[in-house]
N, C-alpha and C. Protein backbone atom coordinates (compact mmCIF):
# COMPACT_ATOMS: atom_id res chain seq x y z
N UNK A 1 111.10 121.79 119.67
CA UNK A 1 110.90 122.73 117.78
C UNK A 1 110.63 121.45 117.19
N UNK A 2 110.27 121.53 116.12
CA UNK A 2 109.95 119.94 115.07
C UNK A 2 110.93 120.22 114.67
N UNK A 3 110.69 118.51 114.27
CA UNK A 3 112.30 118.03 113.76
C UNK A 3 111.95 117.86 112.54
N UNK A 4 113.03 117.99 111.53
CA UNK A 4 113.06 117.99 109.95
C UNK A 4 112.98 116.32 109.58
N UNK A 5 111.95 116.55 108.60
CA UNK A 5 111.62 114.89 108.20
C UNK A 5 113.22 114.20 107.39
N UNK A 6 113.26 115.44 106.52
CA UNK A 6 114.11 114.88 105.30
C UNK A 6 115.06 116.09 105.22
N UNK A 7 116.35 116.36 105.75
CA UNK A 7 116.83 117.46 105.87
C UNK A 7 117.46 117.95 104.38
N UNK A 8 117.49 116.52 103.28
CA UNK A 8 118.07 117.00 102.15
C UNK A 8 117.47 117.75 101.56
N UNK A 9 115.64 117.24 101.45
CA UNK A 9 114.75 118.00 100.53
C UNK A 9 114.59 119.52 101.44
N UNK A 10 114.91 119.46 102.31
CA UNK A 10 114.05 121.12 103.46
C UNK A 10 115.46 122.23 102.42
N UNK A 11 116.86 121.21 102.40
CA UNK A 11 117.45 122.09 101.49
C UNK A 11 118.01 122.41 100.29
N UNK A 12 116.96 121.09 99.53
CA UNK A 12 116.86 122.03 98.09
C UNK A 12 115.72 122.70 97.70
N UNK A 13 114.81 122.57 98.91
CA UNK A 13 113.48 123.45 98.66
C UNK A 13 114.16 124.96 99.13
N UNK A 14 115.13 125.00 100.02
CA UNK A 14 115.86 126.48 100.55
C UNK A 14 116.98 126.80 99.50
N UNK A 15 117.54 126.11 98.47
CA UNK A 15 118.41 126.73 97.94
C UNK A 15 117.41 127.40 96.52
N UNK A 16 116.28 127.08 96.28
CA UNK A 16 115.87 127.50 95.34
C UNK A 16 114.19 128.75 95.69
N UNK A 17 113.48 128.44 97.13
CA UNK A 17 113.18 129.58 97.26
C UNK A 17 113.49 130.23 98.90
N UNK A 18 114.64 129.95 99.17
CA UNK A 18 114.91 130.77 100.72
C UNK A 18 115.91 131.97 100.08
N UNK A 19 115.78 132.83 101.46
CA UNK A 19 116.10 133.98 101.10
C UNK A 19 117.75 134.20 100.52
N UNK A 20 118.32 135.37 99.94
CA UNK A 20 120.00 135.15 99.01
C UNK A 20 120.66 134.42 100.25
N UNK A 21 120.53 134.74 101.38
CA UNK A 21 121.69 134.25 101.92
C UNK A 21 121.24 132.88 102.17
N UNK A 22 120.12 132.46 102.25
CA UNK A 22 119.71 130.56 102.40
C UNK A 22 120.02 129.76 101.32
N UNK A 23 119.72 130.43 100.46
CA UNK A 23 120.10 130.23 98.93
C UNK A 23 121.35 129.57 98.72
N UNK A 24 122.02 130.73 99.38
CA UNK A 24 123.82 130.20 99.11
C UNK A 24 123.95 129.94 99.93
N UNK A 25 123.41 129.66 101.15
CA UNK A 25 124.36 128.49 102.29
C UNK A 25 124.25 127.14 101.57
N UNK A 26 122.36 127.26 101.26
CA UNK A 26 121.48 125.52 101.42
C UNK A 26 122.55 125.03 99.67
N UNK A 27 122.79 125.88 98.92
CA UNK A 27 123.41 125.44 97.72
C UNK A 27 125.48 125.27 98.60
N UNK A 28 125.41 125.09 98.95
CA UNK A 28 127.15 125.51 99.85
C UNK A 28 126.62 124.09 100.38
N UNK A 29 125.90 124.08 100.98
CA UNK A 29 125.89 122.79 101.99
C UNK A 29 125.51 121.64 101.09
N UNK A 30 124.41 121.83 100.33
CA UNK A 30 124.59 120.47 98.93
C UNK A 30 125.74 119.60 98.14
N UNK A 31 126.53 120.94 98.13
CA UNK A 31 127.98 121.01 97.26
C UNK A 31 128.95 120.19 97.76
N UNK A 32 128.84 120.36 99.40
CA UNK A 32 129.51 119.91 100.35
C UNK A 32 128.98 119.07 100.99
N UNK A 33 128.45 117.97 101.50
CA UNK A 33 127.28 117.54 102.75
C UNK A 33 128.75 117.06 103.98
N UNK A 34 129.92 116.21 103.12
CA UNK A 34 130.48 116.14 104.09
C UNK A 34 131.35 117.19 104.86
N UNK A 35 131.72 118.10 104.28
CA UNK A 35 132.93 119.02 104.70
C UNK A 35 131.79 119.63 105.87
N UNK A 36 130.53 120.53 105.35
CA UNK A 36 129.63 121.01 106.79
C UNK A 36 129.37 119.85 108.03
N UNK A 37 129.05 118.29 107.76
CA UNK A 37 128.71 117.78 108.58
C UNK A 37 129.80 118.20 109.76
N UNK A 38 131.40 118.33 109.49
CA UNK A 38 132.24 118.33 110.13
C UNK A 38 132.84 119.33 110.68
N UNK A 39 132.38 120.95 109.74
CA UNK A 39 133.06 121.87 110.01
C UNK A 39 132.46 122.79 111.41
N UNK A 40 133.33 123.67 112.09
CA UNK A 40 133.30 124.60 112.75
C UNK A 40 132.09 125.65 112.15
N UNK A 41 131.24 126.69 112.98
CA UNK A 41 130.30 127.76 112.48
C UNK A 41 131.22 128.31 111.92
N UNK A 42 132.59 129.02 112.47
CA UNK A 42 133.38 130.02 111.99
C UNK A 42 133.67 129.41 109.96
N UNK A 43 133.77 128.14 110.22
CA UNK A 43 134.78 127.93 108.68
C UNK A 43 133.55 127.97 108.39
N UNK A 44 132.24 127.30 107.94
CA UNK A 44 131.34 127.19 107.32
C UNK A 44 131.38 128.69 106.67
N UNK A 45 130.95 129.68 108.13
CA UNK A 45 130.46 130.98 107.62
C UNK A 45 131.75 131.48 106.77
N UNK A 46 132.49 131.21 106.96
CA UNK A 46 134.04 132.16 106.35
C UNK A 46 133.88 131.58 104.94
N UNK A 47 133.72 130.70 104.67
CA UNK A 47 133.75 129.40 103.21
C UNK A 47 132.34 130.39 102.02
N UNK A 48 131.29 130.42 103.06
CA UNK A 48 130.10 130.86 101.86
C UNK A 48 129.84 132.55 102.03
N UNK A 49 130.96 133.41 102.91
CA UNK A 49 130.44 134.63 102.59
C UNK A 49 129.55 135.87 103.99
N UNK A 50 129.20 134.44 104.67
CA UNK A 50 128.49 135.28 105.55
C UNK A 50 128.62 135.32 106.62
N UNK A 51 127.54 135.80 107.76
CA UNK A 51 128.01 135.69 109.36
C UNK A 51 127.69 134.71 109.54
N UNK A 52 128.11 134.25 110.98
CA UNK A 52 127.92 133.26 112.03
C UNK A 52 126.51 133.52 112.50
N UNK A 53 125.93 134.70 112.44
CA UNK A 53 124.27 134.45 113.53
C UNK A 53 123.32 134.18 111.67
N UNK A 54 123.78 134.32 110.46
CA UNK A 54 123.29 133.82 109.48
C UNK A 54 123.17 132.56 109.60
N UNK A 55 124.37 131.86 109.44
CA UNK A 55 124.25 130.14 109.74
C UNK A 55 123.53 129.59 110.69
N UNK A 56 123.05 129.93 111.85
CA UNK A 56 122.70 129.96 113.00
C UNK A 56 121.29 130.06 112.75
N UNK A 57 120.59 131.22 111.98
CA UNK A 57 119.59 131.66 111.87
C UNK A 57 119.03 130.79 110.81
N UNK A 58 119.88 130.34 109.58
CA UNK A 58 119.46 129.01 108.22
C UNK A 58 119.14 127.60 109.06
N UNK A 59 119.86 127.25 109.75
CA UNK A 59 119.18 126.29 110.70
C UNK A 59 117.97 126.39 110.99
N UNK A 60 117.86 127.27 111.96
CA UNK A 60 116.50 127.46 112.55
C UNK A 60 115.25 127.82 111.29
N UNK A 61 115.39 128.78 109.90
CA UNK A 61 114.75 128.33 108.98
C UNK A 61 114.48 126.61 108.65
N UNK A 62 115.50 125.90 109.00
CA UNK A 62 115.53 124.70 108.03
C UNK A 62 114.50 123.77 109.41
N UNK A 63 114.21 124.22 110.92
CA UNK A 63 113.47 123.59 111.46
C UNK A 63 114.17 122.72 112.89
N UNK A 64 115.37 123.15 112.64
CA UNK A 64 116.47 122.71 113.92
C UNK A 64 116.96 124.10 114.82
N UNK A 65 117.20 123.49 115.37
CA UNK A 65 117.43 124.30 116.90
C UNK A 65 118.21 124.87 116.91
N UNK A 66 120.24 124.39 116.08
CA UNK A 66 120.79 125.11 115.65
C UNK A 66 121.59 124.41 115.09
N UNK A 67 122.81 124.70 114.67
CA UNK A 67 124.05 124.30 113.93
C UNK A 67 123.90 122.62 114.16
N UNK A 68 124.79 122.78 115.84
CA UNK A 68 124.35 121.48 116.27
C UNK A 68 123.25 120.31 115.78
N UNK A 69 122.40 120.74 116.24
CA UNK A 69 120.54 119.82 115.61
C UNK A 69 120.84 119.77 114.04
N UNK A 70 121.00 120.77 113.34
CA UNK A 70 121.32 120.50 112.18
C UNK A 70 122.22 119.87 111.28
N UNK A 71 123.89 119.97 112.00
CA UNK A 71 124.70 118.93 112.21
C UNK A 71 124.27 117.04 112.23
N UNK A 72 123.04 117.17 113.16
CA UNK A 72 122.76 116.01 113.72
C UNK A 72 121.99 115.30 112.24
N UNK A 73 120.89 115.93 112.19
CA UNK A 73 119.97 115.87 110.71
C UNK A 73 120.54 115.71 109.80
N UNK A 74 122.07 116.41 109.19
CA UNK A 74 122.86 116.18 108.17
C UNK A 74 123.45 115.27 107.94
N UNK A 75 123.97 115.06 109.17
CA UNK A 75 125.45 112.95 109.52
C UNK A 75 123.94 111.92 109.39
N UNK A 76 122.53 112.18 109.37
CA UNK A 76 121.66 110.60 109.62
C UNK A 76 121.34 110.86 108.01
N UNK A 77 121.19 111.77 107.69
CA UNK A 77 120.86 112.00 105.92
C UNK A 77 122.01 111.40 105.12
N UNK A 78 123.56 111.47 105.68
CA UNK A 78 124.58 111.09 104.88
C UNK A 78 124.55 109.86 105.21
N UNK A 79 124.07 109.22 106.54
CA UNK A 79 124.45 108.01 106.99
C UNK A 79 123.79 107.05 105.97
N UNK A 80 122.01 107.40 105.63
CA UNK A 80 120.86 106.55 105.55
C UNK A 80 121.16 106.78 103.69
N UNK A 81 121.45 107.70 103.39
CA UNK A 81 121.16 108.04 101.85
C UNK A 81 122.70 108.55 101.43
N UNK A 82 123.69 108.42 102.00
CA UNK A 82 125.03 109.15 101.20
C UNK A 82 125.18 108.32 100.19
N UNK A 83 124.74 107.38 99.67
CA UNK A 83 125.18 106.62 98.78
C UNK A 83 124.36 107.03 97.41
N UNK A 84 123.58 107.34 98.15
CA UNK A 84 122.26 108.06 96.84
C UNK A 84 122.62 109.87 96.71
N UNK A 85 123.29 110.28 97.27
CA UNK A 85 123.75 111.73 97.27
C UNK A 85 125.08 112.20 96.13
N UNK A 86 124.98 112.92 95.34
CA UNK A 86 126.06 112.95 94.30
C UNK A 86 126.62 114.55 94.97
N UNK A 87 127.31 114.20 95.21
CA UNK A 87 128.76 115.42 95.80
C UNK A 87 128.71 116.67 94.78
N UNK A 88 128.16 116.33 93.49
CA UNK A 88 127.83 117.51 92.99
C UNK A 88 127.24 117.40 91.30
N UNK A 89 126.39 118.18 91.14
CA UNK A 89 125.64 117.27 89.63
C UNK A 89 126.33 117.10 88.40
N UNK A 90 125.84 115.85 88.29
CA UNK A 90 126.76 115.46 86.79
C UNK A 90 125.99 115.94 85.55
N UNK A 91 126.87 116.58 84.72
CA UNK A 91 126.85 116.87 83.22
C UNK A 91 125.81 115.82 82.69
N UNK A 92 125.34 116.07 81.92
CA UNK A 92 123.91 115.33 80.91
C UNK A 92 124.83 114.26 80.43
N UNK A 93 126.34 114.22 79.69
CA UNK A 93 126.62 113.14 79.24
C UNK A 93 127.28 111.76 80.53
N UNK A 94 127.66 112.81 81.49
CA UNK A 94 128.12 111.77 82.55
C UNK A 94 126.94 110.97 83.27
N UNK A 95 125.70 111.87 83.51
CA UNK A 95 124.52 110.94 83.79
C UNK A 95 124.21 110.13 82.76
N UNK A 96 124.20 110.20 81.48
CA UNK A 96 123.59 109.43 80.35
C UNK A 96 124.49 108.31 80.45
N UNK A 97 125.99 108.90 80.61
CA UNK A 97 126.96 107.29 80.46
C UNK A 97 126.54 106.40 81.54
N UNK A 98 126.24 107.04 82.60
CA UNK A 98 125.99 106.07 84.16
C UNK A 98 124.83 105.58 83.99
N UNK A 99 124.10 106.25 83.45
CA UNK A 99 122.76 105.10 83.18
C UNK A 99 122.88 104.05 82.34
N UNK A 100 123.98 104.44 81.07
CA UNK A 100 123.88 103.02 80.29
C UNK A 100 124.31 102.05 80.91
N UNK A 101 124.93 102.38 81.67
CA UNK A 101 126.83 101.65 82.49
C UNK A 101 126.12 100.47 83.24
N UNK A 102 125.04 101.26 84.07
CA UNK A 102 124.22 100.85 84.79
C UNK A 102 123.38 99.70 84.62
N UNK A 103 122.55 100.11 83.15
CA UNK A 103 122.11 98.67 82.52
C UNK A 103 122.58 97.98 82.00
N UNK A 104 123.81 98.00 81.45
CA UNK A 104 124.03 96.99 80.82
C UNK A 104 124.84 96.19 81.99
N UNK A 105 125.70 96.48 82.38
CA UNK A 105 125.69 96.20 84.53
C UNK A 105 124.94 95.19 84.82
N UNK A 106 123.52 95.76 84.77
CA UNK A 106 122.56 94.82 85.70
C UNK A 106 122.25 93.77 84.42
N UNK A 107 122.60 94.13 82.75
CA UNK A 107 121.80 93.18 81.90
C UNK A 107 122.95 91.75 82.09
N UNK A 108 124.16 92.04 82.10
CA UNK A 108 125.10 91.04 82.12
C UNK A 108 125.00 90.01 83.11
N UNK A 109 124.62 90.89 84.55
CA UNK A 109 125.15 90.47 85.80
C UNK A 109 123.51 89.01 85.44
N UNK A 110 122.77 89.65 85.21
CA UNK A 110 121.40 88.98 84.63
C UNK A 110 121.39 87.81 83.89
N UNK A 111 122.44 87.57 82.69
CA UNK A 111 122.65 86.83 81.74
C UNK A 111 123.88 85.82 82.49
N UNK A 112 124.66 86.39 83.02
CA UNK A 112 125.32 85.38 84.14
C UNK A 112 124.70 84.61 85.50
N UNK A 113 124.24 85.59 85.69
CA UNK A 113 122.99 84.95 86.77
C UNK A 113 122.25 83.48 86.17
N UNK A 114 121.76 83.75 85.19
CA UNK A 114 120.77 82.46 84.62
C UNK A 114 121.38 81.68 84.05
N UNK A 115 122.80 82.15 83.07
CA UNK A 115 123.57 80.94 82.42
C UNK A 115 124.21 80.27 83.88
N UNK A 116 124.84 80.77 85.11
CA UNK A 116 124.71 80.13 85.94
C UNK A 116 123.76 78.64 86.85
N UNK A 117 122.76 79.07 86.79
CA UNK A 117 121.14 78.47 86.87
C UNK A 117 121.26 77.27 86.34
N UNK A 118 121.56 77.43 84.80
CA UNK A 118 120.81 76.66 83.63
C UNK A 118 120.84 74.62 84.01
N UNK A 119 119.32 74.55 84.10
CA UNK A 119 119.78 72.75 84.15
C UNK A 119 119.61 72.23 82.26
N UNK A 120 120.91 72.04 82.18
CA UNK A 120 121.23 71.66 80.77
C UNK A 120 120.03 70.31 80.05
N UNK A 121 120.13 69.22 80.86
CA UNK A 121 118.89 68.41 80.98
C UNK A 121 117.48 68.83 80.89
N UNK A 122 117.33 69.69 81.49
CA UNK A 122 115.51 69.92 81.70
C UNK A 122 115.77 71.04 79.89
N UNK A 123 116.61 71.85 79.98
CA UNK A 123 117.22 72.62 78.75
C UNK A 123 116.96 71.36 77.15
N UNK A 124 117.51 71.10 77.07
CA UNK A 124 117.30 69.95 76.12
C UNK A 124 116.20 69.25 75.77
N UNK A 125 115.68 68.55 77.33
CA UNK A 125 114.19 67.77 76.90
C UNK A 125 113.08 68.77 76.63
N UNK A 126 113.24 69.62 77.26
CA UNK A 126 112.16 71.20 76.73
C UNK A 126 112.92 71.64 75.35
N UNK A 127 113.55 71.27 74.54
CA UNK A 127 113.64 71.69 73.20
C UNK A 127 113.31 70.59 72.34
N UNK A 128 114.00 69.46 72.68
CA UNK A 128 112.96 68.19 72.21
C UNK A 128 111.71 67.96 72.34
N UNK A 129 110.86 68.45 73.20
CA UNK A 129 109.92 68.28 72.85
C UNK A 129 108.95 69.79 71.96
N UNK A 130 109.80 70.68 72.32
CA UNK A 130 108.84 71.64 71.66
C UNK A 130 109.79 71.65 69.83
N UNK A 131 110.55 70.62 69.35
CA UNK A 131 111.01 70.07 67.89
C UNK A 131 109.71 69.66 67.52
N UNK A 132 109.15 68.26 68.41
CA UNK A 132 108.42 67.45 67.69
C UNK A 132 106.93 67.78 68.26
N UNK A 133 106.96 68.91 68.84
CA UNK A 133 105.36 69.50 68.75
C UNK A 133 104.44 69.97 67.81
N UNK A 134 103.05 69.88 68.04
CA UNK A 134 102.54 70.26 66.60
C UNK A 134 102.75 71.74 66.70
N UNK A 135 101.83 71.89 67.95
CA UNK A 135 101.39 73.27 67.98
C UNK A 135 102.36 74.09 69.52
N UNK A 136 102.31 75.13 69.69
CA UNK A 136 103.16 75.23 70.53
C UNK A 136 102.53 76.66 70.73
N UNK A 137 102.30 77.14 72.27
CA UNK A 137 101.02 78.63 73.06
C UNK A 137 102.16 78.80 73.98
N UNK A 138 103.01 79.83 73.53
CA UNK A 138 103.33 80.95 74.13
C UNK A 138 102.45 81.73 75.00
N UNK A 139 102.71 82.15 76.53
CA UNK A 139 101.98 82.87 77.25
C UNK A 139 102.52 83.68 77.67
N UNK A 140 102.40 84.99 78.05
CA UNK A 140 102.57 86.05 78.90
C UNK A 140 101.56 86.50 79.23
N UNK A 141 101.83 87.24 81.08
CA UNK A 141 101.38 87.76 81.55
C UNK A 141 101.00 89.11 81.44
N UNK A 142 101.86 89.86 80.50
CA UNK A 142 101.46 91.40 80.71
C UNK A 142 103.27 91.70 81.07
N UNK A 143 103.42 92.93 80.37
CA UNK A 143 104.78 93.78 80.32
C UNK A 143 105.60 92.69 79.69
N UNK A 144 106.71 92.20 80.64
CA UNK A 144 108.01 91.40 79.71
C UNK A 144 107.99 90.75 79.81
N UNK A 145 107.10 89.89 80.33
CA UNK A 145 106.29 88.31 79.87
C UNK A 145 105.89 88.42 78.54
N UNK A 146 104.78 89.27 78.12
CA UNK A 146 104.40 89.00 77.27
C UNK A 146 105.33 89.13 75.97
N UNK A 147 105.91 90.46 76.32
CA UNK A 147 107.08 91.16 74.93
C UNK A 147 107.48 89.44 74.71
N UNK A 148 108.54 88.64 75.92
CA UNK A 148 109.21 87.39 75.74
C UNK A 148 108.58 85.82 75.35
N UNK A 149 107.05 86.56 75.47
CA UNK A 149 106.21 85.40 74.70
C UNK A 149 106.18 85.40 73.07
N UNK A 150 105.79 86.87 72.91
CA UNK A 150 106.03 87.20 71.52
C UNK A 150 107.74 87.08 70.93
N UNK A 151 108.61 87.26 71.56
CA UNK A 151 109.46 86.89 70.61
C UNK A 151 109.50 85.30 70.77
N UNK A 152 109.57 84.52 71.77
CA UNK A 152 109.76 83.17 71.29
C UNK A 152 108.86 82.48 70.48
N UNK A 153 108.03 83.42 69.89
CA UNK A 153 106.69 83.07 68.55
C UNK A 153 107.57 83.76 67.74
N UNK A 154 108.14 84.68 67.34
CA UNK A 154 108.83 84.82 66.17
C UNK A 154 110.12 84.07 66.06
N UNK A 155 110.91 83.25 66.79
CA UNK A 155 111.61 82.63 66.64
C UNK A 155 111.44 81.33 66.58
N UNK A 156 110.58 80.60 67.45
CA UNK A 156 110.03 79.08 66.72
C UNK A 156 109.73 79.08 65.33
N UNK A 157 108.61 80.51 64.99
CA UNK A 157 108.30 80.50 63.84
C UNK A 157 109.47 80.68 62.70
N UNK A 158 110.38 81.01 62.39
CA UNK A 158 111.36 81.36 61.58
C UNK A 158 111.95 79.49 61.86
N UNK A 159 111.78 79.07 62.96
CA UNK A 159 112.59 77.26 62.62
C UNK A 159 111.49 76.31 62.17
N UNK A 160 110.00 77.26 61.27
CA UNK A 160 108.98 76.12 61.25
C UNK A 160 108.08 75.84 62.10
N UNK A 161 108.20 75.94 63.59
CA UNK A 161 107.36 75.54 64.59
C UNK A 161 105.78 76.50 64.63
N UNK A 162 104.55 75.21 64.29
CA UNK A 162 103.32 76.31 64.43
C UNK A 162 103.58 76.69 65.87
N UNK A 163 102.92 77.94 66.43
CA UNK A 163 103.33 78.81 67.55
C UNK A 163 102.15 79.48 67.54
N UNK A 164 101.76 79.84 68.60
CA UNK A 164 100.45 80.83 68.90
C UNK A 164 101.52 81.63 70.12
N UNK A 165 101.49 82.98 69.94
CA UNK A 165 101.82 83.74 71.17
C UNK A 165 100.30 84.63 72.28
N UNK A 166 100.34 84.37 73.64
CA UNK A 166 99.16 85.66 73.59
C UNK A 166 99.72 86.00 74.68
């Protein structure tokens, strides 16, 4: 029998497009991956309110030989991508807060790393050269570097330095 390439994706599809029992069981599995990966067929069937043969059919509909095969692929998915699988869907507010926190933490970390790696001698020398230069050309190569070149132009212009950003 063909082995499932991505059991989690198959479960998500099954939770939307499967039979009524398959949708119910797929939703249950996605909600509690850890329990399903360790539980006996009777425990799974009892929790979902379906028969044991329905659990076996569900596993076969996913491309597995049976529950044991399904649990093997499920355990692989948990081991490989478990940190990215959320046991329960986050509310919109929680998702937004999580995203904002991740961005903030990444920015703080980047600033700390940059601060720790600054060579003050070089920084002072560059600042001195900019201060006495006739013209400064700030060049970006697209994306963020172009935005930073424009930002440098704005800041140096306010300090009275002749500057152009490209």
